PDB file of N, CA and C in Angstrom:
ATOM      1  N   MET A   1     -23.755  -7.108  -3.853  1.00  0.00           N
ATOM      2  CA  MET A   1     -22.592  -6.568  -4.696  1.00  0.00           C
ATOM      3  C   MET A   1     -21.553  -7.616  -4.701  1.00  0.00           C
ATOM      4  N   SER A   2     -20.843  -7.950  -5.630  1.00  0.00           N
ATOM      5  CA  SER A   2     -19.835  -9.063  -5.621  1.00  0.00           C
ATOM      6  C   SER A   2     -18.669  -8.433  -5.100  1.00  0.00           C
ATOM      7  N   ASP A   3     -17.857  -9.378  -4.854  1.00  0.00           N
ATOM      8  CA  ASP A   3     -16.724  -9.158  -4.216  1.00  0.00           C
ATOM      9  C   ASP A   3     -15.688  -8.333  -5.120  1.00  0.00           C
ATOM     10  N   PHE A   4     -15.638  -8.595  -6.306  1.00  0.00           N
ATOM     11  CA  PHE A   4     -14.674  -7.877  -7.264  1.00  0.00           C
ATOM     12  C   PHE A   4     -15.157  -6.378  -7.221  1.00  0.00           C
ATOM     13  N   ILE A   5     -16.617  -6.168  -7.370  1.00  0.00           N
ATOM     14  CA  ILE A   5     -16.791  -4.763  -7.231  1.00  0.00           C
ATOM     15  C   ILE A   5     -16.604  -3.881  -5.826  1.00  0.00           C
ATOM     16  N   THR A   6     -16.724  -4.792  -4.909  1.00  0.00           N
ATOM     17  CA  THR A   6     -16.328  -4.226  -3.509  1.00  0.00           C
ATOM     18  C   THR A   6     -14.889  -3.932  -3.525  1.00  0.00           C
ATOM     19  N   TRP A   7     -13.883  -4.851  -3.872  1.00  0.00           N
ATOM     20  CA  TRP A   7     -12.647  -4.684  -4.006  1.00  0.00           C
ATOM     21  C   TRP A   7     -12.133  -3.594  -4.601  1.00  0.00           C
ATOM     22  N   THR A   8     -12.802  -3.560  -6.074  1.00  0.00           N
ATOM     23  CA  THR A   8     -12.557  -2.294  -6.831  1.00  0.00           C
ATOM     24  C   THR A   8     -12.790  -0.958  -6.135  1.00  0.00           C
ATOM     25  N   LEU A   9     -13.972  -0.884  -5.362  1.00  0.00           N
ATOM     26  CA  LEU A   9     -14.466   0.382  -4.796  1.00  0.00           C
ATOM     27  C   LEU A   9     -13.180   0.867  -3.745  1.00  0.00           C
ATOM     28  N   VAL A  10     -13.099  -0.241  -3.040  1.00  0.00           N
ATOM     29  CA  VAL A  10     -11.973  -0.130  -1.836  1.00  0.00           C
ATOM     30  C   VAL A  10     -10.796   0.552  -2.371  1.00  0.00           C
ATOM     31  N   ASN A  11     -10.303  -0.079  -3.394  1.00  0.00           N
ATOM     32  CA  ASN A  11      -8.964   0.373  -4.125  1.00  0.00           C
ATOM     33  C   ASN A  11      -9.028   1.687  -4.683  1.00  0.00           C
ATOM     34  N   ALA A  12     -10.278   2.035  -5.166  1.00  0.00           N
ATOM     35  CA  ALA A  12     -10.432   3.267  -5.986  1.00  0.00           C
ATOM     36  C   ALA A  12     -10.580   4.440  -4.858  1.00  0.00           C
ATOM     37  N   ALA A  13     -11.166   4.077  -3.586  1.00  0.00           N
ATOM     38  CA  ALA A  13     -11.082   4.850  -2.480  1.00  0.00           C
ATOM     39  C   ALA A  13      -9.749   5.084  -2.022  1.00  0.00           C
ATOM     40  N   TRP A  14      -8.941   4.301  -1.794  1.00  0.00           N
ATOM     41  CA  TRP A  14      -7.565   4.257  -1.447  1.00  0.00           C
ATOM     42  C   TRP A  14      -6.742   5.297  -2.475  1.00  0.00           C
ATOM     43  N   LEU A  15      -6.871   4.844  -3.508  1.00  0.00           N
ATOM     44  CA  LEU A  15      -6.246   5.718  -4.697  1.00  0.00           C
ATOM     45  C   LEU A  15      -6.598   7.136  -4.602  1.00  0.00           C
ATOM     46  N   THR A  16      -7.760   7.278  -4.534  1.00  0.00           N
ATOM     47  CA  THR A  16      -8.602   8.880  -4.437  1.00  0.00           C
ATOM     48  C   THR A  16      -7.847   9.621  -3.375  1.00  0.00           C
ATOM     49  N   ALA A  17      -7.974   8.922  -2.089  1.00  0.00           N
ATOM     50  CA  ALA A  17      -7.428   9.592  -0.865  1.00  0.00           C
ATOM     51  C   ALA A  17      -6.010   9.798  -1.040  1.00  0.00           C
ATOM     52  N   PHE A  18      -5.179   8.804  -1.838  1.00  0.00           N
ATOM     53  CA  PHE A  18      -3.826   9.132  -1.800  1.00  0.00           C
ATOM     54  C   PHE A  18      -3.531  10.305  -2.822  1.00  0.00           C
ATOM     55  N   ALA A  19      -4.336  10.273  -3.881  1.00  0.00           N
ATOM     56  CA  ALA A  19      -3.902  11.304  -4.824  1.00  0.00           C
ATOM     57  C   ALA A  19      -4.484  12.708  -4.376  1.00  0.00           C
ATOM     58  N   PHE A  20      -5.436  12.777  -3.538  1.00  0.00           N
ATOM     59  CA  PHE A  20      -5.865  14.064  -3.035  1.00  0.00           C
ATOM     60  C   PHE A  20      -4.822  14.688  -2.120  1.00  0.00           C
ATOM     61  N   PHE A  21      -4.445  13.677  -0.942  1.00  0.00           N
ATOM     62  CA  PHE A  21      -3.377  14.199   0.097  1.00  0.00           C
ATOM     63  C   PHE A  21      -2.028  14.418  -0.597  1.00  0.00           C
ATOM     64  N   GLU A  22      -1.570  13.506  -1.421  1.00  0.00           N
ATOM     65  CA  GLU A  22      -0.180  13.852  -2.157  1.00  0.00           C
ATOM     66  C   GLU A  22      -0.240  15.164  -2.963  1.00  0.00           C
ATOM     67  N   ALA A  23      -1.320  15.345  -3.682  1.00  0.00           N
ATOM     68  CA  ALA A  23      -1.487  16.757  -4.459  1.00  0.00           C
ATOM     69  C   ALA A  23      -1.554  17.805  -3.728  1.00  0.00           C
ATOM     70  N   ARG A  24      -2.422  17.683  -2.537  1.00  0.00           N
ATOM     71  CA  ARG A  24      -2.351  18.840  -1.721  1.00  0.00           C
ATOM     72  C   ARG A  24      -1.145  19.304  -1.026  1.00  0.00           C
ATOM     73  N   ALA A  25      -0.232  18.069  -0.521  1.00  0.00           N
ATOM     74  CA  ALA A  25       0.952  18.652   0.086  1.00  0.00           C
ATOM     75  C   ALA A  25       1.856  18.981  -1.006  1.00  0.00           C
ATOM     76  N   LEU A  26       1.924  18.449  -2.161  1.00  0.00           N
ATOM     77  CA  LEU A  26       2.857  19.092  -3.062  1.00  0.00           C
ATOM     78  C   LEU A  26       2.578  20.389  -3.762  1.00  0.00           C
ATOM     79  N   ARG A  27       1.025  20.723  -3.569  1.00  0.00           N
ATOM     80  CA  ARG A  27       0.809  22.091  -4.165  1.00  0.00           C
ATOM     81  C   ARG A  27       1.235  23.292  -3.235  1.00  0.00           C
ATOM     82  N   HIS A  28       1.531  22.800  -2.021  1.00  0.00           N
ATOM     83  CA  HIS A  28       1.696  24.039  -0.776  1.00  0.00           C
ATOM     84  C   HIS A  28       2.864  23.128   0.016  1.00  0.00           C
ATOM     85  N   PRO A  29       3.982  23.201  -0.700  1.00  0.00           N
ATOM     86  CA  PRO A  29       5.316  22.644   0.040  1.00  0.00           C
ATOM     87  C   PRO A  29       5.739  23.615   1.215  1.00  0.00           C
ATOM     88  N   GLU A  30       5.142  24.877   1.342  1.00  0.00           N
ATOM     89  CA  GLU A  30       5.730  25.810   2.367  1.00  0.00           C
ATOM     90  C   GLU A  30       5.028  25.401   3.558  1.00  0.00           C
ATOM     91  N   ASN A  31       3.955  24.849   3.582  1.00  0.00           N
ATOM     92  CA  ASN A  31       3.157  24.255   4.814  1.00  0.00           C
ATOM     93  C   ASN A  31       3.846  22.987   5.335  1.00  0.00           C
ATOM     94  N   ALA A  32       4.382  23.082   6.446  1.00  0.00           N
ATOM     95  CA  ALA A  32       5.119  21.918   7.179  1.00  0.00           C
ATOM     96  C   ALA A  32       4.144  20.777   7.384  1.00  0.00           C
ATOM     97  N   ASN A  33       2.831  21.293   7.758  1.00  0.00           N
ATOM     98  CA  ASN A  33       1.958  20.236   8.252  1.00  0.00           C
ATOM     99  C   ASN A  33       1.220  19.475   7.042  1.00  0.00           C
ATOM    100  N   ARG A  34       1.297  19.707   5.946  1.00  0.00           N
ATOM    101  CA  ARG A  34       1.249  19.041   4.776  1.00  0.00           C
ATOM    102  C   ARG A  34       2.420  17.953   4.244  1.00  0.00           C
ATOM    103  N   VAL A  35       2.119  16.862   4.781  1.00  0.00           N
ATOM    104  CA  VAL A  35       3.333  15.820   4.508  1.00  0.00           C
ATOM    105  C   VAL A  35       3.143  14.931   3.312  1.00  0.00           C
ATOM    106  N   THR A  36       3.862  14.789   2.386  1.00  0.00           N
ATOM    107  CA  THR A  36       3.849  13.621   1.472  1.00  0.00           C
ATOM    108  C   THR A  36       4.087  12.370   1.802  1.00  0.00           C
ATOM    109  N   LEU A  37       3.475  11.295   1.326  1.00  0.00           N
ATOM    110  CA  LEU A  37       4.019   9.949   1.785  1.00  0.00           C
ATOM    111  C   LEU A  37       5.345   9.632   1.999  1.00  0.00           C
ATOM    112  N   SER A  38       6.101  10.108   1.196  1.00  0.00           N
ATOM    113  CA  SER A  38       7.659   9.989   1.090  1.00  0.00           C
ATOM    114  C   SER A  38       8.172  10.290   2.487  1.00  0.00           C
ATOM    115  N   ARG A  39       7.638  11.780   2.818  1.00  0.00           N
ATOM    116  CA  ARG A  39       8.155  12.452   4.160  1.00  0.00           C
ATOM    117  C   ARG A  39       7.648  11.651   5.284  1.00  0.00           C
ATOM    118  N   TYR A  40       6.289  11.304   5.065  1.00  0.00           N
ATOM    119  CA  TYR A  40       5.879  10.417   6.269  1.00  0.00           C
ATOM    120  C   TYR A  40       6.491   8.987   6.374  1.00  0.00           C
ATOM    121  N   VAL A  41       7.046   8.164   5.465  1.00  0.00           N
ATOM    122  CA  VAL A  41       7.657   7.098   5.639  1.00  0.00           C
ATOM    123  C   VAL A  41       9.098   7.528   6.214  1.00  0.00           C
ATOM    124  N   TRP A  42       9.802   8.474   5.796  1.00  0.00           N
ATOM    125  CA  TRP A  42      11.056   8.863   6.343  1.00  0.00           C
ATOM    126  C   TRP A  42      10.989   9.311   7.897  1.00  0.00           C
ATOM    127  N   THR A  43       9.987  10.023   8.109  1.00  0.00           N
ATOM    128  CA  THR A  43       9.666  10.227   9.321  1.00  0.00           C
ATOM    129  C   THR A  43       9.525   9.431  10.465  1.00  0.00           C
ATOM    130  N   ILE A  44       8.777   8.387  10.010  1.00  0.00           N
ATOM    131  CA  ILE A  44       8.421   7.021  10.652  1.00  0.00           C
ATOM    132  C   ILE A  44       9.781   6.365  10.879  1.00  0.00           C
ATOM    133  N   GLY A  45      10.353   6.142   9.691  1.00  0.00           N
ATOM    134  CA  GLY A  45      11.828   5.444   9.711  1.00  0.00           C
ATOM    135  C   GLY A  45      12.820   6.171  10.746  1.00  0.00           C
ATOM    136  N   GLN A  46      12.748   7.425  10.870  1.00  0.00           N
ATOM    137  CA  GLN A  46      13.637   8.011  11.727  1.00  0.00           C
ATOM    138  C   GLN A  46      13.570   7.779  13.205  1.00  0.00           C
ATOM    139  N   LYS A  47      12.014   7.835  13.370  1.00  0.00           N
ATOM    140  CA  LYS A  47      11.629   7.561  14.913  1.00  0.00           C
ATOM    141  C   LYS A  47      11.578   6.034  15.341  1.00  0.00           C
ATOM    142  N   TRP A  48      11.240   5.286  14.302  1.00  0.00           N
ATOM    143  CA  TRP A  48      11.378   3.749  14.343  1.00  0.00           C
ATOM    144  C   TRP A  48      11.723   2.850  13.217  1.00  0.00           C
ATOM    145  N   PRO A  49      13.095   2.915  13.212  1.00  0.00           N
ATOM    146  CA  PRO A  49      13.868   2.113  12.039  1.00  0.00           C
ATOM    147  C   PRO A  49      13.013   0.752  11.666  1.00  0.00           C
ATOM    148  N   LEU A  50      12.694   0.041  12.890  1.00  0.00           N
ATOM    149  CA  LEU A  50      12.299  -1.273  12.590  1.00  0.00           C
ATOM    150  C   LEU A  50      10.769  -1.341  11.553  1.00  0.00           C
ATOM    151  N   SER A  51      10.267  -0.141  11.673  1.00  0.00           N
ATOM    152  CA  SER A  51       9.000   0.062  10.698  1.00  0.00           C
ATOM    153  C   SER A  51       9.086  -0.207   9.391  1.00  0.00           C
ATOM    154  N   LEU A  52      10.378   0.324   8.871  1.00  0.00           N
ATOM    155  CA  LEU A  52      10.825   0.105   7.351  1.00  0.00           C
ATOM    156  C   LEU A  52      10.973  -1.543   6.968  1.00  0.00           C
ATOM    157  N   VAL A  53      11.396  -2.044   8.023  1.00  0.00           N
ATOM    158  CA  VAL A  53      11.611  -3.480   7.792  1.00  0.00           C
ATOM    159  C   VAL A  53      10.353  -4.176   7.751  1.00  0.00           C
ATOM    160  N   LEU A  54       9.467  -3.983   8.789  1.00  0.00           N
ATOM    161  CA  LEU A  54       8.095  -4.510   8.692  1.00  0.00           C
ATOM    162  C   LEU A  54       7.344  -4.230   7.449  1.00  0.00           C
ATOM    163  N   TRP A  55       7.411  -2.962   7.166  1.00  0.00           N
ATOM    164  CA  TRP A  55       6.822  -2.506   5.783  1.00  0.00           C
ATOM    165  C   TRP A  55       7.325  -3.477   4.697  1.00  0.00           C
ATOM    166  N   GLY A  56       8.553  -3.632   4.553  1.00  0.00           N
ATOM    167  CA  GLY A  56       9.187  -4.512   3.501  1.00  0.00           C
ATOM    168  C   GLY A  56       8.498  -5.951   3.562  1.00  0.00           C
ATOM    169  N   LEU A  57       8.478  -6.305   4.896  1.00  0.00           N
ATOM    170  CA  LEU A  57       8.007  -7.748   4.809  1.00  0.00           C
ATOM    171  C   LEU A  57       6.500  -7.758   4.393  1.00  0.00           C
ATOM    172  N   VAL A  58       5.747  -6.911   4.753  1.00  0.00           N
ATOM    173  CA  VAL A  58       4.473  -6.724   4.195  1.00  0.00           C
ATOM    174  C   VAL A  58       4.391  -6.744   2.730  1.00  0.00           C
ATOM    175  N   ILE A  59       4.952  -5.856   2.271  1.00  0.00           N
ATOM    176  CA  ILE A  59       5.241  -5.639   0.675  1.00  0.00           C
ATOM    177  C   ILE A  59       5.758  -6.920   0.078  1.00  0.00           C
ATOM    178  N   GLY A  60       6.572  -7.427   0.639  1.00  0.00           N
ATOM    179  CA  GLY A  60       7.278  -8.758   0.265  1.00  0.00           C
ATOM    180  C   GLY A  60       6.272  -9.903   0.273  1.00  0.00           C
ATOM    181  N   GLY A  61       5.689  -9.989   1.248  1.00  0.00           N
ATOM    182  CA  GLY A  61       4.756 -11.063   1.491  1.00  0.00           C
ATOM    183  C   GLY A  61       3.497 -10.729   0.398  1.00  0.00           C
ATOM    184  N   LEU A  62       2.916  -9.676   0.327  1.00  0.00           N
ATOM    185  CA  LEU A  62       1.788  -9.642  -0.515  1.00  0.00           C
ATOM    186  C   LEU A  62       2.403  -9.811  -2.083  1.00  0.00           C
ATOM    187  N   SER A  63       3.544  -9.406  -2.560  1.00  0.00           N
ATOM    188  CA  SER A  63       4.043  -9.616  -3.513  1.00  0.00           C
ATOM    189  C   SER A  63       4.172 -11.152  -3.956  1.00  0.00           C
ATOM    190  N   VAL A  64       4.793 -11.910  -3.053  1.00  0.00           N
ATOM    191  CA  VAL A  64       4.797 -13.487  -3.225  1.00  0.00           C
ATOM    192  C   VAL A  64       3.620 -13.996  -3.388  1.00  0.00           C
ATOM    193  N   HIS A  65       2.452 -13.493  -2.514  1.00  0.00           N
ATOM    194  CA  HIS A  65       1.335 -14.215  -2.533  1.00  0.00           C
ATOM    195  C   HIS A  65       0.583 -13.906  -3.895  1.00  0.00           C
ATOM    196  N   PHE A  66       0.616 -12.620  -4.194  1.00  0.00           N
ATOM    197  CA  PHE A  66      -0.048 -12.252  -5.489  1.00  0.00           C
ATOM    198  C   PHE A  66       0.513 -12.810  -6.829  1.00  0.00           C
ATOM    199  N   PHE A  67       1.817 -12.615  -6.935  1.00  0.00           N
ATOM    200  CA  PHE A  67       2.662 -12.815  -8.247  1.00  0.00           C
ATOM    201  C   PHE A  67       3.518 -14.175  -8.429  1.00  0.00           C
ATOM    202  N   TRP A  68       3.442 -14.872  -7.326  1.00  0.00           N
ATOM    203  CA  TRP A  68       4.284 -16.147  -7.438  1.00  0.00           C
ATOM    204  C   TRP A  68       3.529 -17.049  -8.354  1.00  0.00           C
ATOM    205  N   ASN A  69       4.194 -17.726  -9.195  1.00  0.00           N
ATOM    206  CA  ASN A  69       3.794 -18.479 -10.463  1.00  0.00           C
ATOM    207  C   ASN A  69       3.163 -19.880  -9.598  1.00  0.00           C
ATOM    208  N   TRP A  70       1.977 -19.911  -9.337  1.00  0.00           N
ATOM    209  CA  TRP A  70       1.149 -20.830  -8.535  1.00  0.00           C
ATOM    210  C   TRP A  70      -0.158 -21.118  -9.356  1.00  0.00           C
ATOM    211  N   CYS A  71      -0.426 -22.488  -9.601  1.00  0.00           N
ATOM    212  CA  CYS A  71      -1.554 -22.792 -10.342  1.00  0.00           C
ATOM    213  C   CYS A  71      -2.583 -23.557  -9.193  1.00  0.00           C
ATOM    214  N   PRO A  72      -3.643 -22.782  -9.150  1.00  0.00           N
ATOM    215  CA  PRO A  72      -4.695 -23.397  -8.244  1.00  0.00           C
ATOM    216  C   PRO A  72      -5.197 -24.901  -8.570  1.00  0.00           C
ATOM    217  N   ALA A  73      -5.111 -25.110  -9.983  1.00  0.00           N
ATOM    218  CA  ALA A  73      -5.676 -26.440 -10.467  1.00  0.00           C
ATOM    219  C   ALA A  73      -4.705 -27.507 -10.171  1.00  0.00           C
ATOM    220  N   LEU A  74      -3.311 -27.305  -9.838  1.00  0.00           N
ATOM    221  CA  LEU A  74      -2.491 -28.404  -9.484  1.00  0.00           C
ATOM    222  C   LEU A  74      -2.500 -28.407  -8.009  1.00  0.00           C
ATOM    223  N   GLY A  75      -3.256 -27.605  -7.094  1.00  0.00           N
ATOM    224  CA  GLY A  75      -2.784 -27.742  -5.850  1.00  0.00           C
ATOM    225  C   GLY A  75      -3.429 -29.204  -5.189  1.00  0.00           C
ATOM    226  N   SER A  76      -2.576 -29.439  -4.070  1.00  0.00           N
ATOM    227  CA  SER A  76      -2.939 -30.862  -3.534  1.00  0.00           C
ATOM    228  C   SER A  76      -4.238 -30.756  -2.692  1.00  0.00           C
ATOM    229  N   SER A  77      -4.830 -29.694  -2.452  1.00  0.00           N
ATOM    230  CA  SER A  77      -6.191 -29.682  -1.777  1.00  0.00           C
ATOM    231  C   SER A  77      -7.340 -29.939  -2.884  1.00  0.00           C
ATOM    232  N   ASN A  78      -7.088 -29.918  -4.080  1.00  0.00           N
ATOM    233  CA  ASN A  78      -8.067 -30.079  -5.012  1.00  0.00           C
ATOM    234  C   ASN A  78      -8.356 -31.567  -5.442  1.00  0.00           C
ATOM    235  N   GLY A  79      -7.821 -32.661  -4.588  1.00  0.00           N
ATOM    236  CA  GLY A  79      -7.982 -33.889  -4.714  1.00  0.00           C
ATOM    237  C   GLY A  79      -7.022 -34.495  -5.542  1.00  0.00           C
TER     238      GLY A  79
END
């Protein structure tokens, strides 16, 4: 199996799990045990505020990694 297909399946699994749990939490808001992603992030931020900063560093680092205008053909490691 190619790496592209593997990453596509992993991302599809994450998206499916997110959609399932988010829909379940939104469908039954009266049940306090069913938490949305927003509520989860808020709760973690209340208990440990530094987690929000670290999450921002991860998202920012991945954004720079994926979307910075960089051309591999011009890289110094290509000779």
